[in-house]
Amino acid sequence: MCEKEENCQHGSALRIEGLHGELRQEFVLPPPATSSRRRRLWELGQHALCPVIGVCMPMPALRRLADKVMGGQVQADDYELHCGVISESRQRGKVAEALQKELDRRYTLSLQATAKLKSSEALAQWWQEAQNGSRELAGSFWAVLTHARCDDALEHKVLGQVHMLQHQIGVGARVDQGRFEALLQENSVLSRELAQAQQRHAKQAAAQARQQETQEAMLMRSRAELISCRSVLAQTLEQLQALQAEIEQPALRQARERRQQQMAQRLETLEPALQAAQREARQQALRADAAEAALQLLREQVPAAEEAAGPQARPDPMLQQRAVLCVGGRPASVPIYQRVIEQTGGRFLHHDGGEEDNPARLDATLAAADLVICQTGCVSHNAYWRVKDHCKRTGKQCVFVETPSMSALKKALTEVCAIHGKAVADSD
């Protein structure tokens, strides 16, 4: 089938002929717009229908509209559906009218904005601003093409720019997809490494705990033996004192001397055992101290592993030169907290929540802070209520973190910055 256009007195005649030249259907197209009435979808040129439908109607929305108009579920794939809607939009019908209504509803704001434009030059300027990113592309595209002042030159320019933009978007999407897949792979590798590190730490911590329990049991046995030896010595001293009371009696003196000799021999026998027990107790204490130091070292390595796997905090204008007070936290994690806060631009303050620092210093530190992060799992009951009362009384922003960790601290900072950004946007 071929199409021919012939000039008429009041417009153009569109003749649709069959393959053998017979006249199948004839339409009279309206003349070029001279009023403020917008052009309808079926009044656009055939070359404009494909980009209009492809850019302005997302495929899921187009499929829902087709299902609604056809009264059932359309079985065609995306490309077939796209081509079918284009074919139906060439003339006024149920599909074209429904699509016209949906596009007008979606882009009402853009249509209202262009309704005030009275010349092709103003419309072209408005489109150029949309190209620069200040307006939504799809709504601007629909509003310009259907505007009464969109002449052939502007229509050709707009269609050409959208055509090239579709190419650029396709290339950019492929590049972004490649980067996204690379990031997913990197994240998977880091997640596996972190999980392996956590498993190793859990196994080492369990082994250290078992070893410490064994050493503590040995230490308890050594202490029990030492107490027993001391009890024997005390009884021996009592017996010696009783013998000294009988020293005036010769017979008793002889018996006492024999008992003294026996006791001296027994003391000579017990003294090496006592010294050995004391040496064993000292060795057990040294091994227990070494085990405690190794366990503490493992505890310090976990925050470092979490820090290596997570992204670094970025500077935030809201925290620039502001004093951020962290109340509580493990001593080994304090340098990590300081680094996270200083990376965001804040000034780091710390108080351990009453465990080691002077509790009276907490009020002065709270007064010097602009933002307070209280790690409730690592502070005393008194420090918790003092922090809460101070922030409520002064209106100072305070975030309570239940689990002390670097990730929890980053999440708290992100929430504070998001709340601050929303408040600034609302005030604007």
Protein backbone atom coordinates (compact mmCIF):
# COMPACT_ATOMS: atom_id res chain seq x y z
CA MET A 1 0.00 0.00 0.00
CA CYS A 2 1.35 3.48 -0.79
CA GLU A 3 0.33 6.94 0.36
CA LYS A 4 0.12 10.14 -1.69
CA GLU A 5 -0.60 13.72 -0.69
CA GLU A 6 -2.33 16.21 -2.98
CA ASN A 7 -2.89 19.91 -2.29
CA CYS A 8 -6.49 20.96 -1.64
CA GLN A 9 -8.01 24.37 -1.31
CA HIS A 10 -8.14 24.23 2.50
CA GLY A 11 -5.45 21.66 3.29
CA SER A 12 -3.83 18.47 2.06
CA ALA A 13 -5.63 15.38 0.81
CA LEU A 14 -4.15 12.05 1.92
CA ARG A 15 -4.97 9.29 -0.60
CA ILE A 16 -4.40 5.68 0.39
CA GLU A 17 -4.27 3.39 -2.64
CA GLY A 18 -3.99 -0.35 -2.96
CA LEU A 19 -1.18 -2.26 -4.58
CA HIS A 20 -2.93 -2.00 -8.02
CA GLY A 21 -3.71 1.70 -7.76
CA GLU A 22 -7.34 1.45 -6.62
CA LEU A 23 -8.47 4.13 -4.17
CA ARG A 24 -8.96 2.56 -0.74
CA GLN A 25 -9.47 5.56 1.57
CA GLU A 26 -9.03 9.32 1.48
CA PHE A 27 -8.58 11.77 4.35
CA VAL A 28 -8.41 15.53 4.33
CA LEU A 29 -5.66 16.72 6.68
CA PRO A 30 -6.11 20.04 8.44
CA PRO A 31 -4.16 23.05 7.17
CA PRO A 32 -1.12 24.32 9.08
CA ALA A 33 -2.15 25.56 12.51
CA THR A 34 -2.82 29.28 12.76
CA SER A 35 -4.81 29.18 16.03
CA SER A 36 -3.82 28.21 19.56
CA ARG A 37 -5.28 24.70 19.27
CA ARG A 38 -2.71 21.99 19.94
CA ARG A 39 -2.10 19.26 17.40
CA ARG A 40 -3.40 15.80 18.24
CA LEU A 41 -1.37 12.62 18.08
CA TRP A 42 -2.95 11.47 14.79
CA GLU A 43 -2.23 14.89 13.24
CA LEU A 44 1.54 14.48 13.66
CA GLY A 45 3.68 13.24 10.81
CA GLN A 46 4.34 9.51 10.57
CA HIS A 47 8.05 10.08 11.19
CA ALA A 48 7.21 11.66 14.59
CA LEU A 49 5.02 8.84 15.94
CA CYS A 50 7.85 6.38 16.63
CA PRO A 51 9.99 8.74 18.79
CA VAL A 52 6.92 10.22 20.52
CA ILE A 53 5.56 6.84 21.59
CA GLY A 54 9.01 5.42 22.37
CA VAL A 55 10.21 8.38 24.46
CA CYS A 56 6.99 9.60 26.09
CA MET A 57 5.33 6.27 26.98
CA PRO A 58 7.22 3.74 29.12
CA MET A 59 6.66 0.22 27.85
CA PRO A 60 4.82 -1.06 30.99
CA ALA A 61 2.41 1.91 30.82
CA LEU A 62 1.93 1.39 27.06
CA ARG A 63 1.11 -2.28 27.61
CA ARG A 64 -1.43 -1.46 30.34
CA LEU A 65 -3.10 1.10 28.07
CA ALA A 66 -3.29 -1.40 25.19
CA ASP A 67 -4.76 -4.09 27.48
CA LYS A 68 -7.39 -1.64 28.70
CA VAL A 69 -8.38 -0.45 25.22
CA MET A 70 -8.42 -3.95 23.72
CA GLY A 71 -10.35 -5.41 26.66
CA GLY A 72 -7.84 -8.17 27.30
CA GLN A 73 -4.18 -9.00 27.63
CA VAL A 74 -2.09 -8.19 24.55
CA GLN A 75 0.18 -11.14 23.70
CA ALA A 76 2.59 -9.25 21.40
CA ASP A 77 6.18 -8.63 22.51
CA ASP A 78 7.45 -5.10 23.18
CA TYR A 79 8.56 -4.39 19.61
CA GLU A 80 5.35 -5.72 18.05
CA LEU A 81 3.27 -3.73 20.55
CA HIS A 82 5.28 -0.57 19.78
CA CYS A 83 4.78 -0.98 16.00
CA GLY A 84 1.09 -1.80 16.41
CA VAL A 85 0.39 1.32 18.50
CA ILE A 86 2.24 3.45 15.93
CA SER A 87 0.05 2.01 13.16
CA GLU A 88 -3.14 2.66 15.16
CA SER A 89 -2.03 6.23 15.97
CA ARG A 90 -1.83 7.30 12.32
CA GLN A 91 -5.56 7.97 12.34
CA ARG A 92 -8.07 8.83 14.98
CA GLY A 93 -9.42 5.80 16.80
CA LYS A 94 -9.79 4.19 20.23
CA VAL A 95 -6.06 3.56 20.65
CA ALA A 96 -5.02 7.02 19.40
CA GLU A 97 -7.57 8.83 21.57
CA ALA A 98 -6.65 6.81 24.68
CA LEU A 99 -2.95 7.46 24.06
CA GLN A 100 -3.59 11.19 23.51
CA LYS A 101 -5.49 11.39 26.81
CA GLU A 102 -2.78 9.50 28.73
CA LEU A 103 0.05 11.66 27.34
CA ASP A 104 -1.85 14.85 28.20
CA ARG A 105 -2.41 13.55 31.73
CA ARG A 106 1.21 12.55 32.25
CA TYR A 107 2.69 15.83 31.03
CA THR A 108 0.10 18.35 32.24
CA LEU A 109 2.72 20.63 33.78
CA SER A 110 4.76 20.84 30.57
CA LEU A 111 1.61 21.54 28.53
CA GLN A 112 0.58 24.30 30.92
CA ALA A 113 4.05 25.86 30.70
CA THR A 114 4.10 25.92 26.88
CA ALA A 115 0.53 27.21 26.62
CA LYS A 116 1.85 30.67 27.51
CA LEU A 117 4.28 30.70 24.55
CA LYS A 118 2.94 32.63 21.54
CA SER A 119 5.74 32.29 18.95
CA SER A 120 7.95 29.65 17.40
CA GLU A 121 11.05 31.47 18.68
CA ALA A 122 9.83 31.37 22.29
CA LEU A 123 8.92 27.70 21.90
CA ALA A 124 12.39 26.93 20.48
CA GLN A 125 14.04 28.74 23.41
CA TRP A 126 11.91 26.77 25.88
CA TRP A 127 12.94 23.50 24.19
CA GLN A 128 16.62 24.47 24.34
CA GLU A 129 16.34 24.99 28.10
CA ALA A 130 14.81 21.53 28.38
CA GLN A 131 17.78 20.13 26.40
CA ASN A 132 20.15 21.71 28.95
CA GLY A 133 18.61 19.55 31.66
CA SER A 134 16.40 22.06 33.44
CA ARG A 135 13.18 20.26 32.44
CA GLU A 136 11.94 16.71 31.89
CA LEU A 137 12.77 15.54 28.36
CA ALA A 138 9.66 13.39 27.68
CA GLY A 139 7.18 16.05 28.81
CA SER A 140 9.03 18.80 26.95
CA PHE A 141 9.15 16.66 23.78
CA TRP A 142 5.37 16.05 23.83
CA ALA A 143 4.53 19.66 24.68
CA VAL A 144 6.70 21.12 21.88
CA LEU A 145 5.63 18.75 19.07
CA THR A 146 1.90 19.24 19.75
CA HIS A 147 2.16 23.01 20.25
CA ALA A 148 0.29 25.16 17.72
CA ARG A 149 3.44 27.23 17.03
CA CYS A 150 5.72 24.25 16.27
CA ASP A 151 6.60 24.84 12.61
CA ASP A 152 8.34 22.39 10.25
CA ALA A 153 11.83 23.70 11.01
CA LEU A 154 11.43 23.40 14.77
CA GLU A 155 9.81 19.96 14.44
CA HIS A 156 12.71 18.75 12.29
CA LYS A 157 15.24 20.11 14.79
CA VAL A 158 13.48 18.58 17.81
CA LEU A 159 13.12 15.16 16.18
CA GLY A 160 16.78 15.17 15.14
CA GLN A 161 18.02 16.06 18.62
CA VAL A 162 15.86 13.38 20.26
CA HIS A 163 17.06 10.82 17.70
CA MET A 164 20.73 11.52 18.54
CA LEU A 165 19.97 11.61 22.26
CA GLN A 166 18.49 8.11 22.04
CA HIS A 167 21.76 6.87 20.54
CA GLN A 168 23.77 8.51 23.32
CA ILE A 169 21.49 7.12 26.02
CA GLY A 170 21.84 3.62 24.58
CA VAL A 171 25.64 3.81 24.61
CA GLY A 172 25.65 5.30 28.12
CA ALA A 173 23.32 2.58 29.38
CA ARG A 174 25.65 -0.13 28.10
CA VAL A 175 28.66 1.57 29.75
CA ASP A 176 26.77 1.99 33.03
CA GLN A 177 25.68 -1.64 32.93
CA GLY A 178 29.29 -2.74 32.54
CA ARG A 179 30.39 -0.60 35.47
CA PHE A 180 27.50 -1.84 37.57
CA GLU A 181 28.40 -5.48 36.89
CA ALA A 182 32.04 -4.77 37.79
CA LEU A 183 30.96 -3.15 41.05
CA LEU A 184 28.70 -6.11 41.82
CA GLN A 185 31.60 -8.50 41.28
CA GLU A 186 33.92 -6.41 43.45
CA ASN A 187 31.29 -6.23 46.18
CA SER A 188 30.84 -10.00 46.04
CA VAL A 189 34.60 -10.55 46.43
CA LEU A 190 34.81 -8.12 49.37
CA SER A 191 31.78 -9.70 51.02
CA ARG A 192 33.35 -13.16 50.76
CA GLU A 193 36.63 -11.90 52.18
CA LEU A 194 34.83 -10.19 55.06
CA ALA A 195 32.83 -13.34 55.80
CA GLN A 196 36.03 -15.41 55.79
CA ALA A 197 37.72 -12.92 58.13
CA GLN A 198 34.75 -13.03 60.48
CA GLN A 199 34.78 -16.84 60.46
CA ARG A 200 38.51 -16.89 61.23
CA HIS A 201 38.00 -14.42 64.04
CA ALA A 202 35.13 -16.48 65.48
CA LYS A 203 37.24 -19.66 65.42
CA GLN A 204 40.26 -17.93 66.97
CA ALA A 205 38.10 -16.31 69.62
CA ALA A 206 36.50 -19.67 70.49
CA ALA A 207 39.93 -21.34 70.70
CA GLN A 208 41.26 -18.54 72.89
CA ALA A 209 38.19 -18.80 75.12
CA ARG A 210 38.68 -22.56 75.54
CA GLN A 211 42.39 -22.09 76.29
CA GLN A 212 41.62 -19.37 78.80
CA GLU A 213 39.05 -21.60 80.54
CA THR A 214 41.64 -24.39 80.78
CA GLN A 215 44.27 -22.05 82.20
CA GLU A 216 41.80 -20.60 84.69
CA ALA A 217 40.92 -24.13 85.86
CA MET A 218 44.62 -24.96 86.30
CA LEU A 219 45.13 -21.71 88.19
CA MET A 220 42.22 -22.54 90.50
CA ARG A 221 43.73 -25.96 91.23
CA SER A 222 47.13 -24.39 91.95
CA ARG A 223 45.54 -21.89 94.31
CA ALA A 224 43.69 -24.71 96.09
CA GLU A 225 46.95 -26.63 96.54
CA LEU A 226 48.64 -23.49 97.84
CA ILE A 227 45.84 -22.95 100.37
CA SER A 228 46.17 -26.58 101.47
CA CYS A 229 49.93 -26.18 101.98
CA ARG A 230 49.41 -23.02 103.99
CA SER A 231 46.85 -24.82 106.14
CA VAL A 232 49.33 -27.61 106.83
CA LEU A 233 51.97 -25.05 107.76
CA ALA A 234 49.56 -23.34 110.14
CA GLN A 235 48.76 -26.63 111.84
CA THR A 236 52.46 -27.37 112.13
CA LEU A 237 53.10 -24.03 113.79
CA GLU A 238 50.32 -24.71 116.29
CA GLN A 239 51.88 -28.06 117.11
CA LEU A 240 55.29 -26.42 117.58
CA GLN A 241 53.79 -23.90 119.96
CA ALA A 242 52.16 -26.71 121.94
CA LEU A 243 55.50 -28.49 122.16
CA GLN A 244 57.20 -25.35 123.43
CA ALA A 245 54.67 -25.21 126.28
CA GLU A 246 55.79 -28.67 127.42
CA ILE A 247 59.52 -27.92 127.29
CA GLU A 248 59.87 -28.02 131.10
CA GLN A 249 59.00 -31.70 131.34
CA PRO A 250 61.91 -34.03 130.38
CA ALA A 251 59.75 -36.81 129.12
CA LEU A 252 57.62 -34.42 127.22
CA ARG A 253 60.77 -32.68 126.02
CA GLN A 254 62.05 -35.87 124.50
CA ALA A 255 58.73 -36.59 122.91
CA ARG A 256 58.60 -33.01 121.70
CA GLU A 257 62.05 -33.31 120.23
CA ARG A 258 61.02 -36.42 118.37
CA ARG A 259 57.91 -34.68 117.12
CA GLN A 260 59.99 -31.67 116.16
CA GLN A 261 62.30 -33.86 114.16
CA GLN A 262 59.32 -35.45 112.48
CA MET A 263 57.80 -32.08 111.78
CA ALA A 264 61.11 -30.76 110.45
CA GLN A 265 61.35 -33.72 108.12
CA ARG A 266 57.77 -33.17 107.03
CA LEU A 267 58.48 -29.47 106.47
CA GLU A 268 61.49 -30.34 104.37
CA THR A 269 59.24 -32.60 102.32
CA LEU A 270 56.45 -30.00 101.93
CA GLU A 271 58.66 -26.98 101.19
CA PRO A 272 59.63 -28.05 97.62
CA ALA A 273 56.00 -28.85 96.85
CA LEU A 274 54.96 -25.41 98.09
CA GLN A 275 57.63 -23.68 96.01
CA ALA A 276 56.62 -25.69 92.94
CA ALA A 277 52.96 -24.76 93.49
CA GLN A 278 53.89 -21.09 93.78
CA ARG A 279 55.93 -21.23 90.57
CA GLU A 280 53.06 -22.96 88.76
CA ALA A 281 50.60 -20.31 90.00
CA ARG A 282 52.83 -17.52 88.68
CA GLN A 283 53.17 -19.25 85.31
CA GLN A 284 49.41 -19.75 85.08
CA ALA A 285 48.87 -16.05 85.83
CA LEU A 286 51.34 -15.07 83.08
CA ARG A 287 49.62 -17.39 80.58
CA ALA A 288 46.22 -15.97 81.51
CA ASP A 289 47.50 -12.41 80.94
CA ALA A 290 48.93 -13.41 77.55
CA ALA A 291 45.64 -15.03 76.53
CA GLU A 292 43.71 -11.92 77.57
CA ALA A 293 46.07 -9.72 75.50
CA ALA A 294 45.66 -11.98 72.44
CA LEU A 295 41.87 -11.93 72.81
CA GLN A 296 41.90 -8.13 73.04
CA LEU A 297 44.07 -7.97 69.89
CA LEU A 298 41.50 -10.08 68.02
CA ARG A 299 38.72 -7.81 69.20
CA GLU A 300 40.60 -4.82 67.84
CA GLN A 301 41.11 -6.50 64.44
CA VAL A 302 37.39 -6.91 63.73
CA PRO A 303 36.61 -3.15 63.50
CA ALA A 304 39.66 -2.79 61.24
CA ALA A 305 38.32 -5.53 58.93
CA GLU A 306 34.91 -3.86 58.88
CA GLU A 307 36.58 -0.57 58.03
CA ALA A 308 38.54 -2.10 55.12
CA ALA A 309 35.40 -3.67 53.58
CA GLY A 310 33.16 -0.60 53.88
CA PRO A 311 33.23 2.60 51.86
CA GLN A 312 34.92 5.68 53.30
CA ALA A 313 32.72 8.49 54.55
CA ARG A 314 32.56 11.52 52.30
CA PRO A 315 32.74 15.13 53.54
CA ASP A 316 29.31 16.59 54.22
CA PRO A 317 28.67 20.37 54.39
CA MET A 318 26.41 19.86 57.38
CA LEU A 319 29.33 18.53 59.50
CA GLN A 320 32.02 20.98 58.34
CA GLN A 321 33.87 22.39 61.39
CA ARG A 322 31.14 21.08 63.73
CA ALA A 323 32.04 19.35 66.98
CA VAL A 324 30.71 15.76 67.01
CA LEU A 325 30.76 14.09 70.45
CA CYS A 326 30.86 10.28 70.67
CA VAL A 327 29.80 9.05 74.12
CA GLY A 328 30.85 5.45 74.83
CA GLY A 329 32.52 2.89 72.57
CA ARG A 330 35.35 0.39 73.01
CA PRO A 331 38.76 2.03 73.60
CA ALA A 332 40.26 0.15 70.63
CA SER A 333 37.57 1.58 68.32
CA VAL A 334 37.97 5.23 69.33
CA PRO A 335 40.67 5.99 66.66
CA ILE A 336 38.39 4.48 63.98
CA TYR A 337 35.44 6.64 65.14
CA GLN A 338 37.70 9.70 65.06
CA ARG A 339 38.85 8.94 61.51
CA VAL A 340 35.25 8.44 60.26
CA ILE A 341 34.04 11.74 61.77
CA GLU A 342 37.05 13.71 60.55
CA GLN A 343 36.56 12.30 57.02
CA THR A 344 33.09 13.87 57.00
CA GLY A 345 34.57 17.25 57.96
CA GLY A 346 33.59 17.20 61.64
CA ARG A 347 35.71 17.82 64.74
CA PHE A 348 35.91 14.71 66.95
CA LEU A 349 35.16 14.75 70.70
CA HIS A 350 34.95 11.66 72.94
CA HIS A 351 33.86 10.63 76.41
CA ASP A 352 33.78 7.00 77.50
CA GLY A 353 30.44 7.35 79.26
CA GLY A 354 31.68 7.17 82.86
CA GLU A 355 33.79 4.02 82.69
CA GLU A 356 37.26 5.64 82.95
CA ASP A 357 36.91 9.37 82.23
CA ASN A 358 35.82 11.67 85.02
CA PRO A 359 31.98 11.66 84.99
CA ALA A 360 32.00 15.34 85.95
CA ARG A 361 33.77 16.13 82.65
CA LEU A 362 30.76 14.84 80.69
CA ASP A 363 28.72 18.05 81.17
CA ALA A 364 31.54 20.26 79.87
CA THR A 365 32.07 17.98 76.87
CA LEU A 366 28.34 18.00 76.08
CA ALA A 367 28.28 21.80 76.20
CA ALA A 368 31.15 22.00 73.68
CA ALA A 369 29.49 19.63 71.17
CA ASP A 370 27.25 20.57 68.23
CA LEU A 371 26.04 16.99 67.66
CA VAL A 372 25.97 14.03 70.10
CA ILE A 373 26.15 10.33 69.20
CA CYS A 374 25.51 8.15 72.28
CA GLN A 375 26.40 4.44 72.04
CA THR A 376 23.95 3.12 74.62
CA GLY A 377 25.52 -0.32 74.87
CA CYS A 378 28.83 1.08 76.22
CA VAL A 379 27.80 3.82 78.68
CA SER A 380 26.71 3.82 82.30
CA HIS A 381 23.09 4.31 83.29
CA ASN A 382 23.91 7.69 84.82
CA ALA A 383 25.75 8.91 81.69
CA TYR A 384 22.84 7.86 79.45
CA TRP A 385 20.32 9.96 81.37
CA ARG A 386 22.69 12.92 81.62
CA VAL A 387 23.17 12.92 77.83
CA LYS A 388 19.45 12.59 77.17
CA ASP A 389 18.52 15.34 79.65
CA HIS A 390 21.16 17.75 78.30
CA CYS A 391 20.12 17.32 74.64
CA LYS A 392 16.41 17.63 75.46
CA ARG A 393 17.00 20.73 77.57
CA THR A 394 19.27 22.50 75.06
CA GLY A 395 17.56 21.26 71.85
CA LYS A 396 20.84 19.75 70.70
CA GLN A 397 20.59 16.99 68.09
CA CYS A 398 21.38 13.56 69.55
CA VAL A 399 21.46 10.09 67.95
CA PHE A 400 21.37 6.91 70.10
CA VAL A 401 23.24 3.87 68.70
CA GLU A 402 22.54 0.51 70.34
CA THR A 403 25.42 -1.52 68.86
CA PRO A 404 28.89 0.12 68.95
CA SER A 405 30.56 -0.33 65.55
CA MET A 406 31.98 1.71 62.67
CA SER A 407 29.04 0.81 60.40
CA ALA A 408 26.52 1.93 63.05
CA LEU A 409 28.40 5.22 63.45
CA LYS A 410 28.38 5.82 59.66
CA LYS A 411 24.65 5.04 59.53
CA ALA A 412 23.98 7.54 62.34
CA LEU A 413 25.97 10.26 60.54
CA THR A 414 24.09 9.52 57.28
CA GLU A 415 20.73 9.84 59.04
CA VAL A 416 21.74 13.13 60.66
CA CYS A 417 22.89 14.59 57.31
CA ALA A 418 19.71 13.38 55.58
CA ILE A 419 17.49 14.99 58.25
CA HIS A 420 19.47 18.21 57.99
CA GLY A 421 19.24 18.20 54.16
CA LYS A 422 15.46 17.66 54.29
CA ALA A 423 15.06 20.49 56.79
CA VAL A 424 17.05 22.84 54.56
CA ALA A 425 15.01 21.83 51.51
CA ASP A 426 11.74 22.38 53.40
CA SER A 427 12.86 25.82 54.56
CA ASP A 428 13.72 26.78 50.96
